[in-house]
C-alpha atoms as a PDB file:
ATOM      1  CA  UNK A   1      26.250 -16.697 -40.562  1.00  0.00           C
ATOM      2  CA  UNK A   2      23.601 -19.355 -39.814  1.00  0.00           C
ATOM      3  CA  UNK A   3      25.843 -20.895 -37.120  1.00  0.00           C
ATOM      4  CA  UNK A   4      26.091 -17.507 -35.411  1.00  0.00           C
ATOM      5  CA  UNK A   5      22.297 -17.101 -35.474  1.00  0.00           C
ATOM      6  CA  UNK A   6      21.855 -20.635 -34.094  1.00  0.00           C
ATOM      7  CA  UNK A   7      24.306 -19.900 -31.267  1.00  0.00           C
ATOM      8  CA  UNK A   8      22.446 -16.695 -30.410  1.00  0.00           C
ATOM      9  CA  UNK A   9      19.126 -18.563 -30.485  1.00  0.00           C
ATOM     10  CA  UNK A  10      20.490 -21.255 -28.153  1.00  0.00           C
ATOM     11  CA  UNK A  11      21.815 -18.594 -25.787  1.00  0.00           C
ATOM     12  CA  UNK A  12      18.406 -16.930 -25.669  1.00  0.00           C
ATOM     13  CA  UNK A  13      16.743 -20.313 -25.097  1.00  0.00           C
ATOM     14  CA  UNK A  14      19.012 -20.911 -22.097  1.00  0.00           C
ATOM     15  CA  UNK A  15      18.376 -17.418 -20.727  1.00  0.00           C
ATOM     16  CA  UNK A  16      14.622 -17.758 -21.341  1.00  0.00           C
ATOM     17  CA  UNK A  17      14.675 -21.035 -19.433  1.00  0.00           C
ATOM     18  CA  UNK A  18      16.550 -19.375 -16.541  1.00  0.00           C
ATOM     19  CA  UNK A  19      14.000 -16.554 -16.477  1.00  0.00           C
ATOM     20  CA  UNK A  20      11.048 -18.909 -16.542  1.00  0.00           C
ATOM     21  CA  UNK A  21      12.548 -21.084 -13.782  1.00  0.00           C
ATOM     22  CA  UNK A  22      13.133 -18.012 -11.626  1.00  0.00           C
ATOM     23  CA  UNK A  23       9.618 -16.821 -12.370  1.00  0.00           C
ATOM     24  CA  UNK A  24       8.142 -20.144 -11.228  1.00  0.00           C
ATOM     25  CA  UNK A  25      10.282 -20.097  -8.077  1.00  0.00           C
ATOM     26  CA  UNK A  26       9.056 -16.604  -7.176  1.00  0.00           C
ATOM     27  CA  UNK A  27       5.422 -17.530  -7.832  1.00  0.00           C
ATOM     28  CA  UNK A  28       5.822 -20.493  -5.475  1.00  0.00           C
ATOM     29  CA  UNK A  29       7.428 -18.358  -2.740  1.00  0.00           C
ATOM     30  CA  UNK A  30       4.703 -15.730  -3.045  1.00  0.00           C
ATOM     31  CA  UNK A  31       2.019 -18.413  -2.797  1.00  0.00           C
ATOM     32  CA  UNK A  32       3.695 -19.831   0.323  1.00  0.00           C
ATOM     33  CA  UNK A  33       3.946 -16.370   1.920  1.00  0.00           C
ATOM     34  CA  UNK A  34       0.286 -15.638   1.192  1.00  0.00           C
ATOM     35  CA  UNK A  35      -0.798 -18.951   2.704  1.00  0.00           C
ATOM     36  CA  UNK A  36       1.191 -18.559   5.937  1.00  0.00           C
ATOM     37  CA  UNK A  37       0.313 -14.926   6.741  1.00  0.00           C
ATOM     38  CA  UNK A  38      -3.294 -15.472   7.906  1.00  0.00           C
ATOM     39  CA  UNK A  39      -2.304 -18.438  10.107  1.00  0.00           C
ATOM     40  CA  UNK A  40       0.468 -16.463  11.811  1.00  0.00           C
ATOM     41  CA  UNK A  41      -1.870 -13.549  12.534  1.00  0.00           C
ATOM     42  CA  UNK A  42      -4.526 -15.783  14.114  1.00  0.00           C
ATOM     43  CA  UNK A  43      -2.058 -17.332  16.589  1.00  0.00           C
ATOM     44  CA  UNK A  44      -1.113 -14.064  18.353  1.00  0.00           C
ATOM     45  CA  UNK A  45      -2.087 -14.054  22.028  1.00  0.00           C
ATOM     46  CA  UNK A  46      -0.606 -11.020  23.840  1.00  0.00           C
ATOM     47  CA  UNK A  47       0.894  -7.558  23.146  1.00  0.00           C
ATOM     48  CA  UNK A  48       4.495  -8.804  22.957  1.00  0.00           C
ATOM     49  CA  UNK A  49       3.547 -11.538  20.503  1.00  0.00           C
ATOM     50  CA  UNK A  50       1.520  -8.984  18.532  1.00  0.00           C
ATOM     51  CA  UNK A  51       4.568  -6.732  18.251  1.00  0.00           C
ATOM     52  CA  UNK A  52       6.723  -9.609  16.988  1.00  0.00           C
ATOM     53  CA  UNK A  53       3.944 -10.739  14.646  1.00  0.00           C
ATOM     54  CA  UNK A  54       3.610  -7.205  13.230  1.00  0.00           C
ATOM     55  CA  UNK A  55       7.356  -7.070  12.617  1.00  0.00           C
ATOM     56  CA  UNK A  56       7.363 -10.471  10.901  1.00  0.00           C
ATOM     57  CA  UNK A  57       4.347  -9.475   8.841  1.00  0.00           C
ATOM     58  CA  UNK A  58       6.121  -6.289   7.691  1.00  0.00           C
ATOM     59  CA  UNK A  59       9.121  -8.346   6.616  1.00  0.00           C
ATOM     60  CA  UNK A  60       6.865 -10.809   4.801  1.00  0.00           C
ATOM     61  CA  UNK A  61       5.062  -8.002   2.980  1.00  0.00           C
ATOM     62  CA  UNK A  62       8.396  -6.420   2.027  1.00  0.00           C
ATOM     63  CA  UNK A  63       9.603  -9.777   0.692  1.00  0.00           C
ATOM     64  CA  UNK A  64       6.385 -10.166  -1.271  1.00  0.00           C
ATOM     65  CA  UNK A  65       6.839  -6.694  -2.754  1.00  0.00           C
ATOM     66  CA  UNK A  66      10.466  -7.392  -3.708  1.00  0.00           C
ATOM     67  CA  UNK A  67       9.530 -10.725  -5.275  1.00  0.00           C
ATOM     68  CA  UNK A  68       6.664  -9.104  -7.174  1.00  0.00           C
ATOM     69  CA  UNK A  69       9.041  -6.443  -8.510  1.00  0.00           C
ATOM     70  CA  UNK A  70      11.495  -9.153  -9.577  1.00  0.00           C
ATOM     71  CA  UNK A  71       8.647 -11.023 -11.228  1.00  0.00           C
ATOM     72  CA  UNK A  72       7.718  -7.895 -13.205  1.00  0.00           C
ATOM     73  CA  UNK A  73      11.354  -7.546 -14.318  1.00  0.00           C
ATOM     74  CA  UNK A  74      11.382 -11.181 -15.424  1.00  0.00           C
ATOM     75  CA  UNK A  75       8.147 -10.717 -17.384  1.00  0.00           C
ATOM     76  CA  UNK A  76       9.677  -7.645 -19.035  1.00  0.00           C
ATOM     77  CA  UNK A  77      12.830  -9.617 -19.899  1.00  0.00           C
ATOM     78  CA  UNK A  78      10.740 -12.381 -21.449  1.00  0.00           C
ATOM     79  CA  UNK A  79       8.964  -9.752 -23.573  1.00  0.00           C
ATOM     80  CA  UNK A  80      12.366  -8.423 -24.678  1.00  0.00           C
ATOM     81  CA  UNK A  81      13.422 -11.957 -25.652  1.00  0.00           C
ATOM     82  CA  UNK A  82      10.261 -12.268 -27.764  1.00  0.00           C
ATOM     83  CA  UNK A  83      10.625  -8.891 -29.472  1.00  0.00           C
ATOM     84  CA  UNK A  84      14.361  -9.323 -30.089  1.00  0.00           C
ATOM     85  CA  UNK A  85      15.585  -6.493 -27.863  1.00  0.00           C
ATOM     86  CA  UNK A  86      16.860  -8.758 -25.059  1.00  0.00           C
ATOM     87  CA  UNK A  87      20.547  -8.182 -24.358  1.00  0.00           C
ATOM     88  CA  UNK A  88      20.420  -4.554 -25.508  1.00  0.00           C
ATOM     89  CA  UNK A  89      20.821  -1.755 -22.965  1.00  0.00           C
ATOM     90  CA  UNK A  90      17.647   0.308 -22.589  1.00  0.00           C
ATOM     91  CA  UNK A  91      19.700   3.520 -22.152  1.00  0.00           C
ATOM     92  CA  UNK A  92      22.653   3.414 -24.556  1.00  0.00           C
ATOM     93  CA  UNK A  93      21.329   0.672 -26.866  1.00  0.00           C
ATOM     94  CA  UNK A  94      24.678  -1.110 -26.615  1.00  0.00           C
ATOM     95  CA  UNK A  95      25.013  -4.802 -25.852  1.00  0.00           C
ATOM     96  CA  UNK A  96      24.685  -6.089 -22.288  1.00  0.00           C
ATOM     97  CA  UNK A  97      27.576  -8.437 -21.473  1.00  0.00           C
ATOM     98  CA  UNK A  98      26.662 -12.108 -21.534  1.00  0.00           C
ATOM     99  CA  UNK A  99      28.220 -12.602 -18.087  1.00  0.00           C
ATOM    100  CA  UNK A 100      25.915  -9.886 -16.696  1.00  0.00           C
ATOM    101  CA  UNK A 101      22.874 -11.538 -18.276  1.00  0.00           C
ATOM    102  CA  UNK A 102      23.842 -14.897 -16.812  1.00  0.00           C
ATOM    103  CA  UNK A 103      24.241 -13.364 -13.360  1.00  0.00           C
ATOM    104  CA  UNK A 104      21.162 -11.145 -13.663  1.00  0.00           C
ATOM    105  CA  UNK A 105      19.061 -12.502 -16.551  1.00  0.00           C
ATOM    106  CA  UNK A 106      16.477  -9.720 -16.278  1.00  0.00           C
ATOM    107  CA  UNK A 107      19.041  -6.893 -16.520  1.00  0.00           C
ATOM    108  CA  UNK A 108      17.892  -4.178 -18.910  1.00  0.00           C
ATOM    109  CA  UNK A 109      20.929  -1.913 -18.519  1.00  0.00           C
ATOM    110  CA  UNK A 110      24.600  -2.520 -19.249  1.00  0.00           C
ATOM    111  CA  UNK A 111      26.980  -2.222 -16.312  1.00  0.00           C
ATOM    112  CA  UNK A 112      28.046   1.351 -17.136  1.00  0.00           C
ATOM    113  CA  UNK A 113      24.483   2.614 -17.488  1.00  0.00           C
ATOM    114  CA  UNK A 114      23.447   0.772 -14.295  1.00  0.00           C
ATOM    115  CA  UNK A 115      26.277   2.415 -12.373  1.00  0.00           C
ATOM    116  CA  UNK A 116      25.335   5.836 -13.791  1.00  0.00           C
ATOM    117  CA  UNK A 117      21.713   5.283 -12.752  1.00  0.00           C
ATOM    118  CA  UNK A 118      22.756   4.232  -9.240  1.00  0.00           C
ATOM    119  CA  UNK A 119      24.964   7.320  -8.944  1.00  0.00           C
ATOM    120  CA  UNK A 120      22.033   9.555  -9.972  1.00  0.00           C
ATOM    121  CA  UNK A 121      19.865   7.900  -7.307  1.00  0.00           C
ATOM    122  CA  UNK A 122      22.618   8.330  -4.695  1.00  0.00           C
ATOM    123  CA  UNK A 123      23.024  11.996  -5.675  1.00  0.00           C
ATOM    124  CA  UNK A 124      19.275  12.571  -5.395  1.00  0.00           C
ATOM    125  CA  UNK A 125      19.187  10.934  -1.957  1.00  0.00           C
ATOM    126  CA  UNK A 126      22.204  12.930  -0.855  1.00  0.00           C
ATOM    127  CA  UNK A 127      20.653  16.197  -1.966  1.00  0.00           C
ATOM    128  CA  UNK A 128      17.485  15.282  -0.080  1.00  0.00           C
ATOM    129  CA  UNK A 129      19.495  14.471   3.021  1.00  0.00           C
ATOM    130  CA  UNK A 130      21.887  17.373   2.338  1.00  0.00           C
ATOM    131  CA  UNK A 131      24.959  15.142   2.510  1.00  0.00           C
ATOM    132  CA  UNK A 132      28.235  16.437   1.102  1.00  0.00           C
ATOM    133  CA  UNK A 133      29.047  15.020  -2.391  1.00  0.00           C
ATOM    134  CA  UNK A 134      32.137  13.267  -0.968  1.00  0.00           C
ATOM    135  CA  UNK A 135      29.817  10.817   0.833  1.00  0.00           C
ATOM    136  CA  UNK A 136      28.119   9.681  -2.386  1.00  0.00           C
ATOM    137  CA  UNK A 137      28.582   6.046  -3.320  1.00  0.00           C
ATOM    138  CA  UNK A 138      26.816   3.887  -5.908  1.00  0.00           C
ATOM    139  CA  UNK A 139      24.221   1.522  -4.485  1.00  0.00           C
ATOM    140  CA  UNK A 140      25.860  -1.548  -6.141  1.00  0.00           C
END
């Protein structure tokens, strides 16, 4: 029984390390984006350049938002590691497959629950857009 607990502890140590490495990488990218934005804005000289600069700035802000959201998911995963709920699906309370956690270490849903959630989102978007149900596909 102790060997099984040690193996689980080692697995969580590896996953925690992956999460912390990813967290550091995102912090670094966000810092770099924040540092380059003001310089790019100051260099604009005419309307065409302004249009391109605005487009690039929108992309940069979107990337910053996505990275911030990923960072929040990583922080949440680290909290789950600490409280012992890491690797358990937030919806069905079943185990999340180890392969899924290795691929997406901050996953909080098992594959089945993730697919169900994506289908609900697709259905909601379809009803908003009034698309026929046959055009619904998971976001995957």
